[in-house]
Amino acid sequence: MTSTPAELPRDPDLVPGMPYRHYKGGAYAVVGVGRFEADLSPVVVYEAMRDRSLLWVRAAEVFSEPVATPQGTVPRFAPDWPAALACLDFLPRKAVLDVLALYDAPYRRYHDRRHVLEMFEQARIRGLALNPAQALAALFHDAVYVPGCEHNEAASAALIGTMRRAWMPLPCNAPRRSCWIRARMRPRSRRRAPCSISTCIGWPSHRRTSTPTVWKSLQRTVPCWQPAPGFRARR
């Protein structure tokens, strides 16, 4: 009589692409979860960022088990979610990873995953508080990229609505009303004009390439990427 195999781990962080940090400091990323063929026990498949040519397999119960260290007990592997992506916490992390995966296409030269993460990191360093519309604009600004096509940014903006239905589908009997994303994008202050996704798309590149004078002029036209309350620029 065969025993019932153990359930696969339900940890929401064990999704493809999720970055993890080993307790000794190594950087890894989850490839997926599966079962060991011999006894159907759950396993985690992952890769080391220092050498992505080789996949590693570890029993799921061992992957995140506590390990005793001089500093105390810590998980063997712990999620290493970038702090700069905190502005995207209104989305499931799997959704963010799905979008970032679009930037891994081999034909991209500049607008790749590293470029997107650098934009969020620069916003964090400068104390820029991105609202949901601005955060989505930065995440999707070049998610669709076809070399030589002039409609990449428009297609990237349209992709937001398409993927939103997968993240949080509305019930079939839902009345006509503002969609979930629009509700999360309402401006917090009535003193400034709202900043829409279509307006924000492409602005991260302006921020990186414009001089301070030009950028301030652009901000007066469209109030995008506002500093967090109490933030003081370095002199």
C-alpha atoms as a PDB file:
ATOM      1  CA  MET A   1       0.000   0.000   0.000  1.00  0.00           C
ATOM      2  CA  THR A   2       1.498   3.274  -1.081  1.00  0.00           C
ATOM      3  CA  SER A   3       1.377   6.226   1.282  1.00  0.00           C
ATOM      4  CA  THR A   4      -0.081   9.561   0.247  1.00  0.00           C
ATOM      5  CA  PRO A   5       2.722  11.900  -0.851  1.00  0.00           C
ATOM      6  CA  ALA A   6       3.327  15.001   1.213  1.00  0.00           C
ATOM      7  CA  GLU A   7       1.706  18.218   0.037  1.00  0.00           C
ATOM      8  CA  LEU A   8       3.749  20.691  -1.935  1.00  0.00           C
ATOM      9  CA  PRO A   9       4.824  23.741   0.071  1.00  0.00           C
ATOM     10  CA  ARG A  10       2.243  26.519   0.158  1.00  0.00           C
ATOM     11  CA  ASP A  11       4.740  29.280   0.852  1.00  0.00           C
ATOM     12  CA  PRO A  12       3.699  32.176  -1.464  1.00  0.00           C
ATOM     13  CA  ASP A  13       7.353  33.163  -1.834  1.00  0.00           C
ATOM     14  CA  LEU A  14       8.319  29.836  -3.434  1.00  0.00           C
ATOM     15  CA  VAL A  15       7.505  31.042  -6.947  1.00  0.00           C
ATOM     16  CA  PRO A  16       9.741  31.125 -10.040  1.00  0.00           C
ATOM     17  CA  GLY A  17      12.137  34.050 -10.000  1.00  0.00           C
ATOM     18  CA  MET A  18      11.856  34.849  -6.293  1.00  0.00           C
ATOM     19  CA  PRO A  19      15.297  35.907  -4.996  1.00  0.00           C
ATOM     20  CA  TYR A  20      16.551  34.134  -1.896  1.00  0.00           C
ATOM     21  CA  ARG A  21      19.594  34.614   0.302  1.00  0.00           C
ATOM     22  CA  HIS A  22      21.437  31.672   1.869  1.00  0.00           C
ATOM     23  CA  TYR A  23      22.298  32.123   5.515  1.00  0.00           C
ATOM     24  CA  LYS A  24      25.991  32.154   4.510  1.00  0.00           C
ATOM     25  CA  GLY A  25      25.357  35.042   2.129  1.00  0.00           C
ATOM     26  CA  GLY A  26      24.953  33.463  -1.313  1.00  0.00           C
ATOM     27  CA  ALA A  27      22.319  34.842  -3.705  1.00  0.00           C
ATOM     28  CA  TYR A  28      19.890  32.394  -5.284  1.00  0.00           C
ATOM     29  CA  ALA A  29      16.598  32.384  -7.174  1.00  0.00           C
ATOM     30  CA  VAL A  30      13.797  29.842  -7.109  1.00  0.00           C
ATOM     31  CA  VAL A  31      13.145  28.023 -10.371  1.00  0.00           C
ATOM     32  CA  GLY A  32      10.137  26.090  -9.096  1.00  0.00           C
ATOM     33  CA  VAL A  33       8.876  23.338  -6.823  1.00  0.00           C
ATOM     34  CA  GLY A  34       8.445  19.691  -7.719  1.00  0.00           C
ATOM     35  CA  ARG A  35       8.675  16.134  -6.442  1.00  0.00           C
ATOM     36  CA  PHE A  36      11.518  13.681  -6.091  1.00  0.00           C
ATOM     37  CA  GLU A  37      10.804  10.787  -8.454  1.00  0.00           C
ATOM     38  CA  ALA A  38      11.701   7.994  -6.027  1.00  0.00           C
ATOM     39  CA  ASP A  39       9.306   8.836  -3.180  1.00  0.00           C
ATOM     40  CA  LEU A  40       7.369  11.884  -4.490  1.00  0.00           C
ATOM     41  CA  SER A  41       8.684  14.033  -1.655  1.00  0.00           C
ATOM     42  CA  PRO A  42       8.449  17.817  -2.307  1.00  0.00           C
ATOM     43  CA  VAL A  43      11.613  19.560  -3.493  1.00  0.00           C
ATOM     44  CA  VAL A  44      12.665  23.083  -4.360  1.00  0.00           C
ATOM     45  CA  VAL A  45      14.602  23.701  -7.564  1.00  0.00           C
ATOM     46  CA  TYR A  46      16.813  26.781  -7.494  1.00  0.00           C
ATOM     47  CA  GLU A  47      19.837  28.372  -9.132  1.00  0.00           C
ATOM     48  CA  ALA A  48      22.836  30.312  -7.893  1.00  0.00           C
ATOM     49  CA  MET A  49      23.185  33.841  -9.252  1.00  0.00           C
ATOM     50  CA  ARG A  50      26.947  33.385  -9.515  1.00  0.00           C
ATOM     51  CA  ASP A  51      26.501  30.476 -11.937  1.00  0.00           C
ATOM     52  CA  ARG A  52      23.079  30.091 -13.562  1.00  0.00           C
ATOM     53  CA  SER A  53      24.213  27.220 -15.783  1.00  0.00           C
ATOM     54  CA  LEU A  54      23.541  24.690 -13.019  1.00  0.00           C
ATOM     55  CA  LEU A  55      20.297  23.911 -11.184  1.00  0.00           C
ATOM     56  CA  TRP A  56      20.173  22.738  -7.584  1.00  0.00           C
ATOM     57  CA  VAL A  57      17.538  20.575  -5.886  1.00  0.00           C
ATOM     58  CA  ARG A  58      16.871  20.457  -2.155  1.00  0.00           C
ATOM     59  CA  ALA A  59      14.121  18.857  -0.091  1.00  0.00           C
ATOM     60  CA  ALA A  60      11.422  21.462   0.563  1.00  0.00           C
ATOM     61  CA  GLU A  61      11.449  20.858   4.315  1.00  0.00           C
ATOM     62  CA  VAL A  62      15.207  21.435   4.380  1.00  0.00           C
ATOM     63  CA  PHE A  63      15.173  24.493   2.103  1.00  0.00           C
ATOM     64  CA  SER A  64      13.712  26.845   4.711  1.00  0.00           C
ATOM     65  CA  GLU A  65      14.470  24.943   7.903  1.00  0.00           C
ATOM     66  CA  PRO A  66      16.052  26.910  10.775  1.00  0.00           C
ATOM     67  CA  VAL A  67      19.812  26.803  11.115  1.00  0.00           C
ATOM     68  CA  ALA A  68      21.776  27.653  14.268  1.00  0.00           C
ATOM     69  CA  THR A  69      24.403  30.383  13.760  1.00  0.00           C
ATOM     70  CA  PRO A  70      26.516  32.499  16.175  1.00  0.00           C
ATOM     71  CA  GLN A  71      23.999  35.297  15.594  1.00  0.00           C
ATOM     72  CA  GLY A  72      21.037  33.055  16.449  1.00  0.00           C
ATOM     73  CA  THR A  73      18.652  30.777  14.587  1.00  0.00           C
ATOM     74  CA  VAL A  74      17.913  31.833  11.013  1.00  0.00           C
ATOM     75  CA  PRO A  75      16.284  30.151   7.992  1.00  0.00           C
ATOM     76  CA  ARG A  76      18.615  28.246   5.709  1.00  0.00           C
ATOM     77  CA  PHE A  77      17.196  30.254   2.786  1.00  0.00           C
ATOM     78  CA  ALA A  78      15.218  33.454   3.301  1.00  0.00           C
ATOM     79  CA  PRO A  79      13.398  35.614   0.709  1.00  0.00           C
ATOM     80  CA  ASP A  80      15.576  38.507  -0.429  1.00  0.00           C
ATOM     81  CA  TRP A  81      12.911  40.828  -1.831  1.00  0.00           C
ATOM     82  CA  PRO A  82      14.450  44.179  -2.842  1.00  0.00           C
ATOM     83  CA  ALA A  83      13.494  46.969  -0.440  1.00  0.00           C
ATOM     84  CA  ALA A  84      13.138  49.308  -3.416  1.00  0.00           C
ATOM     85  CA  LEU A  85      10.095  47.315  -4.601  1.00  0.00           C
ATOM     86  CA  ALA A  86       8.113  48.118  -1.451  1.00  0.00           C
ATOM     87  CA  CYS A  87       6.087  50.611  -3.515  1.00  0.00           C
ATOM     88  CA  LEU A  88       4.681  47.597  -5.393  1.00  0.00           C
ATOM     89  CA  ASP A  89       3.393  45.835  -2.288  1.00  0.00           C
ATOM     90  CA  PHE A  90      -0.184  46.358  -3.489  1.00  0.00           C
ATOM     91  CA  LEU A  91       0.558  43.638  -6.061  1.00  0.00           C
ATOM     92  CA  PRO A  92       1.259  39.951  -5.431  1.00  0.00           C
ATOM     93  CA  ARG A  93       4.987  39.336  -5.598  1.00  0.00           C
ATOM     94  CA  LYS A  94       4.397  36.681  -8.235  1.00  0.00           C
ATOM     95  CA  ALA A  95       2.775  39.338 -10.417  1.00  0.00           C
ATOM     96  CA  VAL A  96       5.820  41.600 -10.078  1.00  0.00           C
ATOM     97  CA  LEU A  97       8.115  38.700 -10.950  1.00  0.00           C
ATOM     98  CA  ASP A  98       5.978  37.857 -14.000  1.00  0.00           C
ATOM     99  CA  VAL A  99       6.467  41.391 -15.317  1.00  0.00           C
ATOM    100  CA  LEU A 100      10.183  41.451 -14.533  1.00  0.00           C
ATOM    101  CA  ALA A 101      10.548  38.190 -16.470  1.00  0.00           C
ATOM    102  CA  LEU A 102       9.452  40.068 -19.605  1.00  0.00           C
ATOM    103  CA  TYR A 103      12.651  42.099 -19.349  1.00  0.00           C
ATOM    104  CA  ASP A 104      14.843  38.995 -19.549  1.00  0.00           C
ATOM    105  CA  ALA A 105      14.479  38.613 -23.321  1.00  0.00           C
ATOM    106  CA  PRO A 106      17.953  38.041 -24.810  1.00  0.00           C
ATOM    107  CA  TYR A 107      17.523  40.683 -27.529  1.00  0.00           C
ATOM    108  CA  ARG A 108      17.220  43.512 -25.010  1.00  0.00           C
ATOM    109  CA  ARG A 109      20.350  45.613 -24.664  1.00  0.00           C
ATOM    110  CA  TYR A 110      19.395  48.334 -22.206  1.00  0.00           C
ATOM    111  CA  HIS A 111      15.809  48.087 -20.943  1.00  0.00           C
ATOM    112  CA  ASP A 112      16.343  44.818 -19.123  1.00  0.00           C
ATOM    113  CA  ARG A 113      15.597  43.602 -15.596  1.00  0.00           C
ATOM    114  CA  ARG A 114      18.677  45.296 -14.162  1.00  0.00           C
ATOM    115  CA  HIS A 115      17.603  48.629 -15.641  1.00  0.00           C
ATOM    116  CA  VAL A 116      14.134  48.407 -14.078  1.00  0.00           C
ATOM    117  CA  LEU A 117      15.475  47.450 -10.656  1.00  0.00           C
ATOM    118  CA  GLU A 118      18.000  50.292 -10.840  1.00  0.00           C
ATOM    119  CA  MET A 119      15.162  52.788 -11.410  1.00  0.00           C
ATOM    120  CA  PHE A 120      13.322  51.638  -8.293  1.00  0.00           C
ATOM    121  CA  GLU A 121      16.559  51.652  -6.303  1.00  0.00           C
ATOM    122  CA  GLN A 122      17.362  55.212  -7.390  1.00  0.00           C
ATOM    123  CA  ALA A 123      13.862  56.303  -6.399  1.00  0.00           C
ATOM    124  CA  ARG A 124      14.383  54.732  -2.957  1.00  0.00           C
ATOM    125  CA  ILE A 125      17.792  56.375  -2.502  1.00  0.00           C
ATOM    126  CA  ARG A 126      16.381  59.785  -3.420  1.00  0.00           C
ATOM    127  CA  GLY A 127      13.396  59.388  -1.109  1.00  0.00           C
ATOM    128  CA  LEU A 128      10.860  59.480  -3.929  1.00  0.00           C
ATOM    129  CA  ALA A 129       7.502  58.144  -2.750  1.00  0.00           C
ATOM    130  CA  LEU A 130       5.928  56.471  -5.773  1.00  0.00           C
ATOM    131  CA  ASN A 131       2.170  56.129  -5.725  1.00  0.00           C
ATOM    132  CA  PRO A 132       0.622  53.017  -7.365  1.00  0.00           C
ATOM    133  CA  ALA A 133       0.240  54.695 -10.770  1.00  0.00           C
ATOM    134  CA  GLN A 134       3.847  55.821 -10.838  1.00  0.00           C
ATOM    135  CA  ALA A 135       5.128  52.467  -9.570  1.00  0.00           C
ATOM    136  CA  LEU A 136       3.192  50.620 -12.271  1.00  0.00           C
ATOM    137  CA  ALA A 137       4.475  53.047 -14.893  1.00  0.00           C
ATOM    138  CA  ALA A 138       8.064  52.353 -13.876  1.00  0.00           C
ATOM    139  CA  LEU A 139       7.482  48.596 -13.773  1.00  0.00           C
ATOM    140  CA  PHE A 140       5.750  48.429 -17.160  1.00  0.00           C
ATOM    141  CA  HIS A 141       7.443  51.312 -18.981  1.00  0.00           C
ATOM    142  CA  ASP A 142       9.062  49.006 -21.551  1.00  0.00           C
ATOM    143  CA  ALA A 143       7.618  45.601 -20.675  1.00  0.00           C
ATOM    144  CA  VAL A 144       6.663  45.112 -24.318  1.00  0.00           C
ATOM    145  CA  TYR A 145       9.648  45.598 -26.576  1.00  0.00           C
ATOM    146  CA  VAL A 146       9.791  44.817 -30.279  1.00  0.00           C
ATOM    147  CA  PRO A 147      12.965  46.152 -31.937  1.00  0.00           C
ATOM    148  CA  GLY A 148      12.139  48.899 -34.397  1.00  0.00           C
ATOM    149  CA  CYS A 149       8.507  49.262 -33.296  1.00  0.00           C
ATOM    150  CA  GLU A 150       7.306  52.741 -32.337  1.00  0.00           C
ATOM    151  CA  HIS A 151       4.350  51.514 -30.267  1.00  0.00           C
ATOM    152  CA  ASN A 152       6.240  49.673 -27.525  1.00  0.00           C
ATOM    153  CA  GLU A 153       5.314  52.101 -24.759  1.00  0.00           C
ATOM    154  CA  ALA A 154       1.635  52.160 -25.756  1.00  0.00           C
ATOM    155  CA  ALA A 155       1.574  48.362 -25.797  1.00  0.00           C
ATOM    156  CA  SER A 156       3.320  48.290 -22.425  1.00  0.00           C
ATOM    157  CA  ALA A 157       0.665  50.582 -20.932  1.00  0.00           C
ATOM    158  CA  ALA A 158      -2.126  48.439 -22.415  1.00  0.00           C
ATOM    159  CA  LEU A 159      -0.533  45.349 -20.894  1.00  0.00           C
ATOM    160  CA  ILE A 160      -1.283  46.661 -17.400  1.00  0.00           C
ATOM    161  CA  GLY A 161      -5.019  46.224 -17.840  1.00  0.00           C
ATOM    162  CA  THR A 162      -4.578  42.804 -19.386  1.00  0.00           C
ATOM    163  CA  MET A 163      -2.411  41.490 -16.552  1.00  0.00           C
ATOM    164  CA  ARG A 164      -4.576  43.169 -13.905  1.00  0.00           C
ATOM    165  CA  ARG A 165      -7.429  40.814 -14.788  1.00  0.00           C
ATOM    166  CA  ALA A 166      -5.144  37.883 -14.012  1.00  0.00           C
ATOM    167  CA  TRP A 167      -4.015  39.386 -10.684  1.00  0.00           C
ATOM    168  CA  MET A 168      -7.507  40.231  -9.411  1.00  0.00           C
ATOM    169  CA  PRO A 169     -10.352  39.253 -11.746  1.00  0.00           C
ATOM    170  CA  LEU A 170     -13.635  41.046 -11.129  1.00  0.00           C
ATOM    171  CA  PRO A 171     -16.736  38.883 -10.535  1.00  0.00           C
ATOM    172  CA  CYS A 172     -19.005  38.390 -13.526  1.00  0.00           C
ATOM    173  CA  ASN A 173     -21.837  40.323 -11.831  1.00  0.00           C
ATOM    174  CA  ALA A 174     -19.636  43.251 -10.821  1.00  0.00           C
ATOM    175  CA  PRO A 175     -21.331  46.602 -11.586  1.00  0.00           C
ATOM    176  CA  ARG A 176     -19.723  49.161 -13.878  1.00  0.00           C
ATOM    177  CA  ARG A 177     -17.303  51.128 -11.795  1.00  0.00           C
ATOM    178  CA  SER A 178     -13.675  52.157 -11.651  1.00  0.00           C
ATOM    179  CA  CYS A 179     -11.418  49.130 -11.953  1.00  0.00           C
ATOM    180  CA  TRP A 180      -9.259  47.973  -9.079  1.00  0.00           C
ATOM    181  CA  ILE A 181      -6.088  49.668 -10.334  1.00  0.00           C
ATOM    182  CA  ARG A 182      -7.788  53.031 -10.828  1.00  0.00           C
ATOM    183  CA  ALA A 183      -9.132  52.835  -7.289  1.00  0.00           C
ATOM    184  CA  ARG A 184      -5.607  52.342  -5.985  1.00  0.00           C
ATOM    185  CA  MET A 185      -4.313  55.234  -8.087  1.00  0.00           C
ATOM    186  CA  ARG A 186      -6.560  58.027  -6.874  1.00  0.00           C
ATOM    187  CA  PRO A 187      -4.412  61.025  -5.983  1.00  0.00           C
ATOM    188  CA  ARG A 188      -4.016  61.570  -2.249  1.00  0.00           C
ATOM    189  CA  SER A 189      -4.085  65.335  -2.571  1.00  0.00           C
ATOM    190  CA  ARG A 190      -6.541  67.480  -4.544  1.00  0.00           C
ATOM    191  CA  ARG A 191      -4.034  70.277  -4.849  1.00  0.00           C
ATOM    192  CA  ARG A 192      -2.136  68.572  -7.635  1.00  0.00           C
ATOM    193  CA  ALA A 193      -3.398  67.148 -10.892  1.00  0.00           C
ATOM    194  CA  PRO A 194      -3.557  63.326 -10.975  1.00  0.00           C
ATOM    195  CA  CYS A 195      -0.735  61.562 -12.749  1.00  0.00           C
ATOM    196  CA  SER A 196      -2.045  58.815 -15.042  1.00  0.00           C
ATOM    197  CA  ILE A 197      -0.209  55.723 -16.187  1.00  0.00           C
ATOM    198  CA  SER A 198      -0.037  56.923 -19.782  1.00  0.00           C
ATOM    199  CA  THR A 199       1.587  60.156 -18.587  1.00  0.00           C
ATOM    200  CA  CYS A 200       4.087  58.348 -16.377  1.00  0.00           C
ATOM    201  CA  ILE A 201       5.168  55.846 -19.027  1.00  0.00           C
ATOM    202  CA  GLY A 202       8.589  56.892 -20.247  1.00  0.00           C
ATOM    203  CA  TRP A 203       9.247  59.369 -17.456  1.00  0.00           C
ATOM    204  CA  PRO A 204      11.875  57.258 -15.672  1.00  0.00           C
ATOM    205  CA  SER A 205      14.144  57.721 -18.678  1.00  0.00           C
ATOM    206  CA  HIS A 206      13.571  61.493 -18.519  1.00  0.00           C
ATOM    207  CA  ARG A 207      14.599  61.440 -14.858  1.00  0.00           C
ATOM    208  CA  ARG A 208      17.848  59.671 -15.649  1.00  0.00           C
ATOM    209  CA  THR A 209      18.817  61.783 -18.660  1.00  0.00           C
ATOM    210  CA  SER A 210      17.519  65.289 -17.852  1.00  0.00           C
ATOM    211  CA  THR A 211      19.478  67.975 -16.056  1.00  0.00           C
ATOM    212  CA  PRO A 212      18.075  69.112 -12.668  1.00  0.00           C
ATOM    213  CA  THR A 213      16.718  72.320 -14.252  1.00  0.00           C
ATOM    214  CA  VAL A 214      14.945  70.467 -17.065  1.00  0.00           C
ATOM    215  CA  TRP A 215      13.551  67.883 -14.646  1.00  0.00           C
ATOM    216  CA  LYS A 216      12.081  70.570 -12.358  1.00  0.00           C
ATOM    217  CA  SER A 217      10.474  72.154 -15.397  1.00  0.00           C
ATOM    218  CA  LEU A 218       8.929  68.824 -16.372  1.00  0.00           C
ATOM    219  CA  GLN A 219       7.653  68.285 -12.821  1.00  0.00           C
ATOM    220  CA  ARG A 220       5.826  71.601 -12.914  1.00  0.00           C
ATOM    221  CA  THR A 221       4.060  70.405 -16.063  1.00  0.00           C
ATOM    222  CA  VAL A 222       3.214  66.910 -14.807  1.00  0.00           C
ATOM    223  CA  PRO A 223       3.696  66.282 -11.073  1.00  0.00           C
ATOM    224  CA  CYS A 224       5.287  62.842 -11.317  1.00  0.00           C
ATOM    225  CA  TRP A 225       7.724  61.214  -8.867  1.00  0.00           C
ATOM    226  CA  GLN A 226       7.220  63.502  -5.877  1.00  0.00           C
ATOM    227  CA  PRO A 227       9.611  63.361  -2.898  1.00  0.00           C
ATOM    228  CA  ALA A 228       8.444  61.692   0.277  1.00  0.00           C
ATOM    229  CA  PRO A 229       7.249  64.006   3.098  1.00  0.00           C
ATOM    230  CA  GLY A 230      10.190  65.263   5.109  1.00  0.00           C
ATOM    231  CA  PHE A 231      12.756  64.261   2.491  1.00  0.00           C
ATOM    232  CA  ARG A 232      15.660  66.653   2.104  1.00  0.00           C
ATOM    233  CA  ALA A 233      17.914  66.554  -0.915  1.00  0.00           C
ATOM    234  CA  ARG A 234      21.612  66.304  -0.275  1.00  0.00           C
ATOM    235  CA  ARG A 235      23.484  69.549  -0.753  1.00  0.00           C
END
